[in-house]
Amino acid sequence: MKYEEAIKQLEEIVSKMENGTYSVDELAEQLKKAQQLITMCRDKLTKTDEEIKKILNDNE
């Protein structure tokens, strides 16, 4: 999954939470999904940051 897709899914989850769309059971399930998406996004950002730093260091 691409970073942008994960962010879009997170935004949809947050919007539905704010609107009270989810039942209690759905809310717990969506929170777990959001946690997984956040972890994935954080990992992608960390990896990208490391790659950029490596490229910049290699060019010095």
Protein backbone atom coordinates (compact mmCIF):
# COMPACT_ATOMS: atom_id res chain seq x y z
CA MET A 1 0.00 0.00 0.00
CA LYS A 2 1.25 3.47 -0.84
CA TYR A 3 1.67 6.13 1.81
CA GLU A 4 -0.99 8.33 0.21
CA GLU A 5 -3.53 5.48 0.25
CA ALA A 6 -2.86 4.81 3.92
CA ILE A 7 -3.31 8.49 4.78
CA LYS A 8 -6.58 8.57 2.85
CA GLN A 9 -7.86 5.54 4.76
CA LEU A 10 -6.82 7.14 8.06
CA GLU A 11 -8.65 10.33 7.14
CA GLU A 12 -11.79 8.34 6.33
CA ILE A 13 -11.61 6.49 9.65
CA VAL A 14 -11.16 9.74 11.59
CA SER A 15 -14.02 11.40 9.73
CA LYS A 16 -16.38 8.50 10.46
CA MET A 17 -15.30 8.48 14.13
CA GLU A 18 -16.00 12.19 14.42
CA ASN A 19 -19.42 11.73 12.83
CA GLY A 20 -20.30 8.82 15.13
CA THR A 21 -20.76 6.47 12.18
CA TYR A 22 -19.19 3.44 13.85
CA SER A 23 -20.85 1.20 16.39
CA VAL A 24 -18.82 0.28 19.48
CA ASP A 25 -17.73 -3.00 17.86
CA GLU A 26 -16.80 -1.29 14.61
CA LEU A 27 -14.96 1.43 16.48
CA ALA A 28 -12.62 -1.06 18.15
CA GLU A 29 -11.95 -2.75 14.81
CA GLN A 30 -11.30 0.57 13.05
CA LEU A 31 -8.97 1.73 15.82
CA LYS A 32 -6.88 -1.41 15.31
CA LYS A 33 -6.80 -0.77 11.57
CA ALA A 34 -5.82 2.87 12.15
CA GLN A 35 -3.01 1.78 14.46
CA GLN A 36 -1.66 -0.55 11.75
CA LEU A 37 -1.89 2.21 9.13
CA ILE A 38 -0.09 4.68 11.41
CA THR A 39 2.70 2.17 12.02
CA MET A 40 3.04 1.55 8.29
CA CYS A 41 3.15 5.29 7.54
CA ARG A 42 5.74 5.91 10.26
CA ASP A 43 7.90 3.09 8.90
CA LYS A 44 7.68 4.44 5.35
CA LEU A 45 8.59 7.94 6.49
CA THR A 46 11.52 6.66 8.53
CA LYS A 47 12.80 4.58 5.64
CA THR A 48 12.44 7.46 3.20
CA ASP A 49 14.23 9.81 5.59
CA GLU A 50 17.12 7.35 5.93
CA GLU A 51 17.36 6.96 2.15
CA ILE A 52 17.41 10.74 1.64
CA LYS A 53 20.12 11.19 4.28
CA LYS A 54 22.19 8.46 2.64
CA ILE A 55 21.87 10.06 -0.78
CA LEU A 56 22.82 13.45 0.61
CA ASN A 57 25.82 12.01 2.46
CA ASP A 58 26.97 10.13 -0.64
CA ASN A 59 26.96 13.40 -2.62
CA GLU A 60 29.21 15.22 -0.16
